[in-house]
Amino acid sequence: MISEGNLSFVLDEIRDLHESLERKAIVLLYKLIQSHPFLDGNKRTAFLTMIEFLHRNGKDIKYSKMLDYLNRRLLYDIADNKIVLEDVENIFEEVIR
């Protein structure tokens, strides 16, 4: 099951965002998790969508064991409203290249 309205809203918001590619990717991650458009797999889908968005635009994420751990915890913190968008940006600022 999918909430097409929630998904369309997020995608339109990203399309209309006049920010850097990196910020768009992070907002995409954050908003997909927050809007919960899918019945299951929202965090995984959001993370993979961000990775693919970056890749298609010539960017990647520097991986490390710490980033892997942080991302797993981070995705849950976003879903549980324990972290704000600006904090997510600060976390990813150093790893998007």
PDB file of N, CA and C in Angstrom:
ATOM      1  N   MET A   1       0.848  -1.185   0.000  1.00  0.00           N
ATOM      2  CA  MET A   1       0.000   0.000   0.000  1.00  0.00           C
ATOM      3  C   MET A   1       0.886   1.238   0.000  1.00  0.00           C
ATOM      4  N   ILE A   2       0.428   2.255  -0.667  1.00  0.00           N
ATOM      5  CA  ILE A   2       1.178   3.490  -0.777  1.00  0.00           C
ATOM      6  C   ILE A   2       0.230   4.674  -0.640  1.00  0.00           C
ATOM      7  N   SER A   3       0.705   5.705   0.042  1.00  0.00           N
ATOM      8  CA  SER A   3      -0.044   6.950   0.116  1.00  0.00           C
ATOM      9  C   SER A   3       0.501   7.860  -0.984  1.00  0.00           C
ATOM     10  N   GLU A   4      -0.150   7.800  -2.138  1.00  0.00           N
ATOM     11  CA  GLU A   4       0.337   8.561  -3.286  1.00  0.00           C
ATOM     12  C   GLU A   4       0.368  10.057  -2.998  1.00  0.00           C
ATOM     13  N   GLY A   5      -0.563  10.523  -2.198  1.00  0.00           N
ATOM     14  CA  GLY A   5      -0.592  11.948  -1.855  1.00  0.00           C
ATOM     15  C   GLY A   5       0.648  12.359  -1.075  1.00  0.00           C
ATOM     16  N   ASN A   6       1.021  11.564  -0.072  1.00  0.00           N
ATOM     17  CA  ASN A   6       2.208  11.869   0.718  1.00  0.00           C
ATOM     18  C   ASN A   6       3.464  11.807  -0.138  1.00  0.00           C
ATOM     19  N   LEU A   7       3.568  10.796  -0.985  1.00  0.00           N
ATOM     20  CA  LEU A   7       4.730  10.642  -1.842  1.00  0.00           C
ATOM     21  C   LEU A   7       4.819  11.789  -2.847  1.00  0.00           C
ATOM     22  N   SER A   8       3.721  12.127  -3.467  1.00  0.00           N
ATOM     23  CA  SER A   8       3.705  13.242  -4.429  1.00  0.00           C
ATOM     24  C   SER A   8       4.082  14.552  -3.760  1.00  0.00           C
ATOM     25  N   PHE A   9       3.579  14.755  -2.561  1.00  0.00           N
ATOM     26  CA  PHE A   9       3.892  15.986  -1.830  1.00  0.00           C
ATOM     27  C   PHE A   9       5.397  16.109  -1.601  1.00  0.00           C
ATOM     28  N   VAL A  10       6.037  15.031  -1.150  1.00  0.00           N
ATOM     29  CA  VAL A  10       7.477  15.046  -0.893  1.00  0.00           C
ATOM     30  C   VAL A  10       8.245  15.299  -2.186  1.00  0.00           C
ATOM     31  N   LEU A  11       7.899  14.581  -3.239  1.00  0.00           N
ATOM     32  CA  LEU A  11       8.618  14.730  -4.508  1.00  0.00           C
ATOM     33  C   LEU A  11       8.447  16.131  -5.092  1.00  0.00           C
ATOM     34  N   ASP A  12       7.248  16.690  -4.988  1.00  0.00           N
ATOM     35  CA  ASP A  12       7.022  18.064  -5.451  1.00  0.00           C
ATOM     36  C   ASP A  12       7.835  19.053  -4.633  1.00  0.00           C
ATOM     37  N   GLU A  13       7.904  18.821  -3.337  1.00  0.00           N
ATOM     38  CA  GLU A  13       8.670  19.710  -2.461  1.00  0.00           C
ATOM     39  C   GLU A  13      10.158  19.700  -2.837  1.00  0.00           C
ATOM     40  N   ILE A  14      10.693  18.529  -3.117  1.00  0.00           N
ATOM     41  CA  ILE A  14      12.098  18.415  -3.507  1.00  0.00           C
ATOM     42  C   ILE A  14      12.320  19.077  -4.855  1.00  0.00           C
ATOM     43  N   ARG A  15      11.421  18.850  -5.788  1.00  0.00           N
ATOM     44  CA  ARG A  15      11.533  19.434  -7.125  1.00  0.00           C
ATOM     45  C   ARG A  15      11.550  20.960  -7.060  1.00  0.00           C
ATOM     46  N   ASP A  16      10.747  21.530  -6.163  1.00  0.00           N
ATOM     47  CA  ASP A  16      10.626  22.983  -6.060  1.00  0.00           C
ATOM     48  C   ASP A  16      11.648  23.620  -5.122  1.00  0.00           C
ATOM     49  N   LEU A  17      12.455  22.815  -4.463  1.00  0.00           N
ATOM     50  CA  LEU A  17      13.433  23.311  -3.501  1.00  0.00           C
ATOM     51  C   LEU A  17      14.622  23.914  -4.240  1.00  0.00           C
ATOM     52  N   HIS A  18      14.906  25.162  -3.976  1.00  0.00           N
ATOM     53  CA  HIS A  18      16.019  25.859  -4.624  1.00  0.00           C
ATOM     54  C   HIS A  18      17.213  25.873  -3.679  1.00  0.00           C
ATOM     55  N   GLU A  19      17.775  24.695  -3.479  1.00  0.00           N
ATOM     56  CA  GLU A  19      18.891  24.511  -2.568  1.00  0.00           C
ATOM     57  C   GLU A  19      19.946  23.666  -3.267  1.00  0.00           C
ATOM     58  N   SER A  20      21.037  23.414  -2.566  1.00  0.00           N
ATOM     59  CA  SER A  20      22.099  22.579  -3.118  1.00  0.00           C
ATOM     60  C   SER A  20      21.607  21.152  -3.302  1.00  0.00           C
ATOM     61  N   LEU A  21      22.291  20.438  -4.152  1.00  0.00           N
ATOM     62  CA  LEU A  21      21.987  19.033  -4.384  1.00  0.00           C
ATOM     63  C   LEU A  21      22.049  18.239  -3.084  1.00  0.00           C
ATOM     64  N   GLU A  22      23.056  18.520  -2.267  1.00  0.00           N
ATOM     65  CA  GLU A  22      23.220  17.821  -1.005  1.00  0.00           C
ATOM     66  C   GLU A  22      22.032  18.059  -0.077  1.00  0.00           C
ATOM     67  N   ARG A  23      21.606  19.299   0.000  1.00  0.00           N
ATOM     68  CA  ARG A  23      20.450  19.621   0.860  1.00  0.00           C
ATOM     69  C   ARG A  23      19.194  18.948   0.341  1.00  0.00           C
ATOM     70  N   LYS A  24      19.009  18.940  -0.972  1.00  0.00           N
ATOM     71  CA  LYS A  24      17.845  18.254  -1.532  1.00  0.00           C
ATOM     72  C   LYS A  24      17.840  16.779  -1.148  1.00  0.00           C
ATOM     73  N   ALA A  25      19.005  16.141  -1.215  1.00  0.00           N
ATOM     74  CA  ALA A  25      19.107  14.721  -0.877  1.00  0.00           C
ATOM     75  C   ALA A  25      18.739  14.484   0.584  1.00  0.00           C
ATOM     76  N   ILE A  26      19.207  15.342   1.456  1.00  0.00           N
ATOM     77  CA  ILE A  26      18.945  15.192   2.888  1.00  0.00           C
ATOM     78  C   ILE A  26      17.475  15.468   3.194  1.00  0.00           C
ATOM     79  N   VAL A  27      16.915  16.488   2.570  1.00  0.00           N
ATOM     80  CA  VAL A  27      15.492  16.786   2.762  1.00  0.00           C
ATOM     81  C   VAL A  27      14.650  15.625   2.230  1.00  0.00           C
ATOM     82  N   LEU A  28      15.055  15.039   1.111  1.00  0.00           N
ATOM     83  CA  LEU A  28      14.358  13.887   0.563  1.00  0.00           C
ATOM     84  C   LEU A  28      14.333  12.743   1.577  1.00  0.00           C
ATOM     85  N   LEU A  29      15.471  12.426   2.144  1.00  0.00           N
ATOM     86  CA  LEU A  29      15.556  11.392   3.169  1.00  0.00           C
ATOM     87  C   LEU A  29      14.618  11.702   4.329  1.00  0.00           C
ATOM     88  N   TYR A  30      14.749  12.892   4.865  1.00  0.00           N
ATOM     89  CA  TYR A  30      14.001  13.301   6.051  1.00  0.00           C
ATOM     90  C   TYR A  30      12.491  13.279   5.795  1.00  0.00           C
ATOM     91  N   LYS A  31      12.084  13.882   4.702  1.00  0.00           N
ATOM     92  CA  LYS A  31      10.648  14.000   4.413  1.00  0.00           C
ATOM     93  C   LYS A  31      10.007  12.660   4.066  1.00  0.00           C
ATOM     94  N   LEU A  32      10.745  11.793   3.365  1.00  0.00           N
ATOM     95  CA  LEU A  32      10.175  10.470   3.074  1.00  0.00           C
ATOM     96  C   LEU A  32       9.945   9.683   4.358  1.00  0.00           C
ATOM     97  N   ILE A  33      10.870   9.788   5.287  1.00  0.00           N
ATOM     98  CA  ILE A  33      10.686   9.084   6.557  1.00  0.00           C
ATOM     99  C   ILE A  33       9.533   9.713   7.343  1.00  0.00           C
ATOM    100  N   GLN A  34       9.499  11.022   7.411  1.00  0.00           N
ATOM    101  CA  GLN A  34       8.470  11.714   8.183  1.00  0.00           C
ATOM    102  C   GLN A  34       7.060  11.524   7.612  1.00  0.00           C
ATOM    103  N   SER A  35       6.939  11.513   6.285  1.00  0.00           N
ATOM    104  CA  SER A  35       5.605  11.439   5.678  1.00  0.00           C
ATOM    105  C   SER A  35       5.042  10.020   5.635  1.00  0.00           C
ATOM    106  N   HIS A  36       5.911   9.038   5.792  1.00  0.00           N
ATOM    107  CA  HIS A  36       5.506   7.631   5.877  1.00  0.00           C
ATOM    108  C   HIS A  36       4.565   7.236   4.736  1.00  0.00           C
ATOM    109  N   PRO A  37       5.031   7.375   3.469  1.00  0.00           N
ATOM    110  CA  PRO A  37       4.129   7.095   2.346  1.00  0.00           C
ATOM    111  C   PRO A  37       3.876   5.612   2.068  1.00  0.00           C
ATOM    112  N   PHE A  38       4.720   4.726   2.600  1.00  0.00           N
ATOM    113  CA  PHE A  38       4.580   3.297   2.313  1.00  0.00           C
ATOM    114  C   PHE A  38       4.106   2.542   3.551  1.00  0.00           C
ATOM    115  N   LEU A  39       3.472   1.432   3.330  1.00  0.00           N
ATOM    116  CA  LEU A  39       2.988   0.611   4.437  1.00  0.00           C
ATOM    117  C   LEU A  39       4.152   0.078   5.270  1.00  0.00           C
ATOM    118  N   ASP A  40       5.258  -0.271   4.601  1.00  0.00           N
ATOM    119  CA  ASP A  40       6.421  -0.829   5.281  1.00  0.00           C
ATOM    120  C   ASP A  40       7.672  -0.391   4.525  1.00  0.00           C
ATOM    121  N   GLY A  41       8.789  -0.350   5.231  1.00  0.00           N
ATOM    122  CA  GLY A  41      10.072  -0.077   4.598  1.00  0.00           C
ATOM    123  C   GLY A  41      10.366   1.382   4.327  1.00  0.00           C
ATOM    124  N   ASN A  42       9.721   2.295   5.020  1.00  0.00           N
ATOM    125  CA  ASN A  42       9.908   3.720   4.757  1.00  0.00           C
ATOM    126  C   ASN A  42      11.338   4.193   5.009  1.00  0.00           C
ATOM    127  N   LYS A  43      11.951   3.743   6.092  1.00  0.00           N
ATOM    128  CA  LYS A  43      13.316   4.188   6.409  1.00  0.00           C
ATOM    129  C   LYS A  43      14.312   3.647   5.390  1.00  0.00           C
ATOM    130  N   ARG A  44      14.209   2.365   5.079  1.00  0.00           N
ATOM    131  CA  ARG A  44      15.108   1.764   4.085  1.00  0.00           C
ATOM    132  C   ARG A  44      14.921   2.412   2.724  1.00  0.00           C
ATOM    133  N   THR A  45      13.670   2.584   2.328  1.00  0.00           N
ATOM    134  CA  THR A  45      13.371   3.184   1.032  1.00  0.00           C
ATOM    135  C   THR A  45      13.890   4.618   0.968  1.00  0.00           C
ATOM    136  N   ALA A  46      13.704   5.364   2.034  1.00  0.00           N
ATOM    137  CA  ALA A  46      14.174   6.751   2.067  1.00  0.00           C
ATOM    138  C   ALA A  46      15.693   6.817   1.938  1.00  0.00           C
ATOM    139  N   PHE A  47      16.387   5.948   2.661  1.00  0.00           N
ATOM    140  CA  PHE A  47      17.853   5.955   2.609  1.00  0.00           C
ATOM    141  C   PHE A  47      18.349   5.564   1.221  1.00  0.00           C
ATOM    142  N   LEU A  48      17.797   4.512   0.655  1.00  0.00           N
ATOM    143  CA  LEU A  48      18.214   4.083  -0.673  1.00  0.00           C
ATOM    144  C   LEU A  48      17.844   5.111  -1.746  1.00  0.00           C
ATOM    145  N   THR A  49      16.719   5.788  -1.566  1.00  0.00           N
ATOM    146  CA  THR A  49      16.322   6.843  -2.501  1.00  0.00           C
ATOM    147  C   THR A  49      17.313   7.999  -2.444  1.00  0.00           C
ATOM    148  N   MET A  50      17.741   8.368  -1.243  1.00  0.00           N
ATOM    149  CA  MET A  50      18.734   9.428  -1.105  1.00  0.00           C
ATOM    150  C   MET A  50      20.045   9.034  -1.791  1.00  0.00           C
ATOM    151  N   ILE A  51      20.489   7.797  -1.573  1.00  0.00           N
ATOM    152  CA  ILE A  51      21.724   7.312  -2.182  1.00  0.00           C
ATOM    153  C   ILE A  51      21.615   7.350  -3.710  1.00  0.00           C
ATOM    154  N   GLU A  52      20.506   6.872  -4.240  1.00  0.00           N
ATOM    155  CA  GLU A  52      20.309   6.857  -5.694  1.00  0.00           C
ATOM    156  C   GLU A  52      20.224   8.275  -6.253  1.00  0.00           C
ATOM    157  N   PHE A  53      19.544   9.167  -5.563  1.00  0.00           N
ATOM    158  CA  PHE A  53      19.450  10.568  -5.983  1.00  0.00           C
ATOM    159  C   PHE A  53      20.848  11.186  -6.078  1.00  0.00           C
ATOM    160  N   LEU A  54      21.648  10.963  -5.056  1.00  0.00           N
ATOM    161  CA  LEU A  54      23.019  11.480  -5.069  1.00  0.00           C
ATOM    162  C   LEU A  54      23.826  10.863  -6.213  1.00  0.00           C
ATOM    163  N   HIS A  55      23.732   9.564  -6.348  1.00  0.00           N
ATOM    164  CA  HIS A  55      24.487   8.857  -7.388  1.00  0.00           C
ATOM    165  C   HIS A  55      24.124   9.365  -8.785  1.00  0.00           C
ATOM    166  N   ARG A  56      22.848   9.530  -9.043  1.00  0.00           N
ATOM    167  CA  ARG A  56      22.409  10.005 -10.364  1.00  0.00           C
ATOM    168  C   ARG A  56      22.847  11.437 -10.638  1.00  0.00           C
ATOM    169  N   ASN A  57      23.208  12.144  -9.590  1.00  0.00           N
ATOM    170  CA  ASN A  57      23.659  13.529  -9.745  1.00  0.00           C
ATOM    171  C   ASN A  57      25.156  13.678  -9.495  1.00  0.00           C
ATOM    172  N   GLY A  58      25.883  12.562  -9.606  1.00  0.00           N
ATOM    173  CA  GLY A  58      27.339  12.604  -9.537  1.00  0.00           C
ATOM    174  C   GLY A  58      27.942  12.706  -8.152  1.00  0.00           C
ATOM    175  N   LYS A  59      27.171  12.393  -7.143  1.00  0.00           N
ATOM    176  CA  LYS A  59      27.654  12.456  -5.762  1.00  0.00           C
ATOM    177  C   LYS A  59      27.561  11.082  -5.124  1.00  0.00           C
ATOM    178  N   ASP A  60      28.320  10.884  -4.083  1.00  0.00           N
ATOM    179  CA  ASP A  60      28.277   9.639  -3.319  1.00  0.00           C
ATOM    180  C   ASP A  60      28.401   9.955  -1.842  1.00  0.00           C
ATOM    181  N   ILE A  61      28.271   8.928  -1.032  1.00  0.00           N
ATOM    182  CA  ILE A  61      28.463   9.048   0.419  1.00  0.00           C
ATOM    183  C   ILE A  61      29.702   8.261   0.786  1.00  0.00           C
ATOM    184  N   LYS A  62      30.558   8.870   1.569  1.00  0.00           N
ATOM    185  CA  LYS A  62      31.734   8.181   2.113  1.00  0.00           C
ATOM    186  C   LYS A  62      31.265   7.248   3.209  1.00  0.00           C
ATOM    187  N   TYR A  63      31.483   5.968   3.029  1.00  0.00           N
ATOM    188  CA  TYR A  63      31.029   5.002   4.031  1.00  0.00           C
ATOM    189  C   TYR A  63      32.100   4.725   5.071  1.00  0.00           C
ATOM    190  N   SER A  64      31.642   4.427   6.264  1.00  0.00           N
ATOM    191  CA  SER A  64      32.506   3.991   7.353  1.00  0.00           C
ATOM    192  C   SER A  64      31.637   3.184   8.311  1.00  0.00           C
ATOM    193  N   LYS A  65      32.269   2.446   9.205  1.00  0.00           N
ATOM    194  CA  LYS A  65      31.482   1.683  10.183  1.00  0.00           C
ATOM    195  C   LYS A  65      30.676   2.619  11.063  1.00  0.00           C
ATOM    196  N   MET A  66      31.252   3.764  11.413  1.00  0.00           N
ATOM    197  CA  MET A  66      30.538   4.732  12.244  1.00  0.00           C
ATOM    198  C   MET A  66      29.322   5.271  11.502  1.00  0.00           C
ATOM    199  N   LEU A  67      29.465   5.561  10.229  1.00  0.00           N
ATOM    200  CA  LEU A  67      28.337   6.064   9.452  1.00  0.00           C
ATOM    201  C   LEU A  67      27.249   5.001   9.354  1.00  0.00           C
ATOM    202  N   ASP A  68      27.648   3.749   9.161  1.00  0.00           N
ATOM    203  CA  ASP A  68      26.675   2.663   9.089  1.00  0.00           C
ATOM    204  C   ASP A  68      25.859   2.595  10.383  1.00  0.00           C
ATOM    205  N   TYR A  69      26.530   2.632  11.513  1.00  0.00           N
ATOM    206  CA  TYR A  69      25.842   2.612  12.810  1.00  0.00           C
ATOM    207  C   TYR A  69      24.968   3.851  12.973  1.00  0.00           C
ATOM    208  N   LEU A  70      25.545   4.994  12.657  1.00  0.00           N
ATOM    209  CA  LEU A  70      24.840   6.261  12.813  1.00  0.00           C
ATOM    210  C   LEU A  70      23.582   6.279  11.957  1.00  0.00           C
ATOM    211  N   ASN A  71      23.686   5.818  10.725  1.00  0.00           N
ATOM    212  CA  ASN A  71      22.524   5.825   9.836  1.00  0.00           C
ATOM    213  C   ASN A  71      21.408   4.940  10.366  1.00  0.00           C
ATOM    214  N   ARG A  72      21.765   3.768  10.871  1.00  0.00           N
ATOM    215  CA  ARG A  72      20.717   2.892  11.404  1.00  0.00           C
ATOM    216  C   ARG A  72      19.999   3.568  12.571  1.00  0.00           C
ATOM    217  N   ARG A  73      20.744   4.187  13.451  1.00  0.00           N
ATOM    218  CA  ARG A  73      20.136   4.889  14.585  1.00  0.00           C
ATOM    219  C   ARG A  73      19.450   6.168  14.107  1.00  0.00           C
ATOM    220  N   LEU A  74      20.080   6.851  13.194  1.00  0.00           N
ATOM    221  CA  LEU A  74      19.565   8.119  12.691  1.00  0.00           C
ATOM    222  C   LEU A  74      18.194   7.952  12.040  1.00  0.00           C
ATOM    223  N   LEU A  75      18.040   6.924  11.248  1.00  0.00           N
ATOM    224  CA  LEU A  75      16.763   6.711  10.565  1.00  0.00           C
ATOM    225  C   LEU A  75      15.627   6.519  11.569  1.00  0.00           C
ATOM    226  N   TYR A  76      15.903   5.809  12.638  1.00  0.00           N
ATOM    227  CA  TYR A  76      14.889   5.635  13.688  1.00  0.00           C
ATOM    228  C   TYR A  76      14.636   6.945  14.434  1.00  0.00           C
ATOM    229  N   ASP A  77      15.679   7.720  14.663  1.00  0.00           N
ATOM    230  CA  ASP A  77      15.503   9.008  15.340  1.00  0.00           C
ATOM    231  C   ASP A  77      14.658   9.968  14.505  1.00  0.00           C
ATOM    232  N   ILE A  78      14.844   9.937  13.187  1.00  0.00           N
ATOM    233  CA  ILE A  78      14.015  10.767  12.307  1.00  0.00           C
ATOM    234  C   ILE A  78      12.562  10.303  12.414  1.00  0.00           C
ATOM    235  N   ALA A  79      12.343   9.007  12.312  1.00  0.00           N
ATOM    236  CA  ALA A  79      10.981   8.460  12.360  1.00  0.00           C
ATOM    237  C   ALA A  79      10.301   8.756  13.689  1.00  0.00           C
ATOM    238  N   ASP A  80      11.077   8.775  14.761  1.00  0.00           N
ATOM    239  CA  ASP A  80      10.520   9.020  16.096  1.00  0.00           C
ATOM    240  C   ASP A  80      10.520  10.493  16.498  1.00  0.00           C
ATOM    241  N   ASN A  81      10.827  11.379  15.543  1.00  0.00           N
ATOM    242  CA  ASN A  81      10.869  12.830  15.794  1.00  0.00           C
ATOM    243  C   ASN A  81      11.842  13.211  16.903  1.00  0.00           C
ATOM    244  N   LYS A  82      12.964  12.493  16.995  1.00  0.00           N
ATOM    245  CA  LYS A  82      13.973  12.790  18.012  1.00  0.00           C
ATOM    246  C   LYS A  82      15.088  13.675  17.474  1.00  0.00           C
ATOM    247  N   ILE A  83      15.046  13.990  16.185  1.00  0.00           N
ATOM    248  CA  ILE A  83      16.093  14.795  15.568  1.00  0.00           C
ATOM    249  C   ILE A  83      15.454  15.689  14.509  1.00  0.00           C
ATOM    250  N   VAL A  84      15.951  16.901  14.400  1.00  0.00           N
ATOM    251  CA  VAL A  84      15.398  17.850  13.435  1.00  0.00           C
ATOM    252  C   VAL A  84      16.253  17.838  12.165  1.00  0.00           C
ATOM    253  N   LEU A  85      15.685  18.379  11.108  1.00  0.00           N
ATOM    254  CA  LEU A  85      16.324  18.383   9.798  1.00  0.00           C
ATOM    255  C   LEU A  85      17.719  19.002   9.835  1.00  0.00           C
ATOM    256  N   GLU A  86      17.885  20.089  10.550  1.00  0.00           N
ATOM    257  CA  GLU A  86      19.182  20.757  10.602  1.00  0.00           C
ATOM    258  C   GLU A  86      20.264  19.864  11.201  1.00  0.00           C
ATOM    259  N   ASP A  87      19.895  19.061  12.183  1.00  0.00           N
ATOM    260  CA  ASP A  87      20.861  18.125  12.772  1.00  0.00           C
ATOM    261  C   ASP A  87      21.233  17.022  11.787  1.00  0.00           C
ATOM    262  N   VAL A  88      20.268  16.571  11.003  1.00  0.00           N
ATOM    263  CA  VAL A  88      20.551  15.561   9.983  1.00  0.00           C
ATOM    264  C   VAL A  88      21.510  16.135   8.947  1.00  0.00           C
ATOM    265  N   GLU A  89      21.293  17.386   8.565  1.00  0.00           N
ATOM    266  CA  GLU A  89      22.202  18.047   7.618  1.00  0.00           C
ATOM    267  C   GLU A  89      23.620  18.096   8.169  1.00  0.00           C
ATOM    268  N   ASN A  90      23.765  18.441   9.424  1.00  0.00           N
ATOM    269  CA  ASN A  90      25.097  18.503  10.027  1.00  0.00           C
ATOM    270  C   ASN A  90      25.783  17.146  10.026  1.00  0.00           C
ATOM    271  N   ILE A  91      25.028  16.091  10.235  1.00  0.00           N
ATOM    272  CA  ILE A  91      25.603  14.752  10.258  1.00  0.00           C
ATOM    273  C   ILE A  91      26.102  14.356   8.867  1.00  0.00           C
ATOM    274  N   PHE A  92      25.313  14.643   7.841  1.00  0.00           N
ATOM    275  CA  PHE A  92      25.677  14.226   6.499  1.00  0.00           C
ATOM    276  C   PHE A  92      26.628  15.200   5.797  1.00  0.00           C
ATOM    277  N   GLU A  93      26.790  16.383   6.349  1.00  0.00           N
ATOM    278  CA  GLU A  93      27.626  17.410   5.724  1.00  0.00           C
ATOM    279  C   GLU A  93      29.025  16.908   5.363  1.00  0.00           C
ATOM    280  N   GLU A  94      29.599  16.115   6.231  1.00  0.00           N
ATOM    281  CA  GLU A  94      30.975  15.660   6.047  1.00  0.00           C
ATOM    282  C   GLU A  94      31.087  14.409   5.176  1.00  0.00           C
ATOM    283  N   VAL A  95      30.004  13.719   4.930  1.00  0.00           N
ATOM    284  CA  VAL A  95      30.127  12.427   4.240  1.00  0.00           C
ATOM    285  C   VAL A  95      29.635  12.420   2.805  1.00  0.00           C
ATOM    286  N   ILE A  96      28.949  13.472   2.380  1.00  0.00           N
ATOM    287  CA  ILE A  96      28.525  13.547   0.982  1.00  0.00           C
ATOM    288  C   ILE A  96      29.650  14.174   0.188  1.00  0.00           C
ATOM    289  N   ARG A  97      30.068  13.470  -0.849  1.00  0.00           N
ATOM    290  CA  ARG A  97      31.155  13.988  -1.693  1.00  0.00           C
ATOM    291  C   ARG A  97      30.791  13.932  -3.137  1.00  0.00           C
TER     292      ARG A  97
END
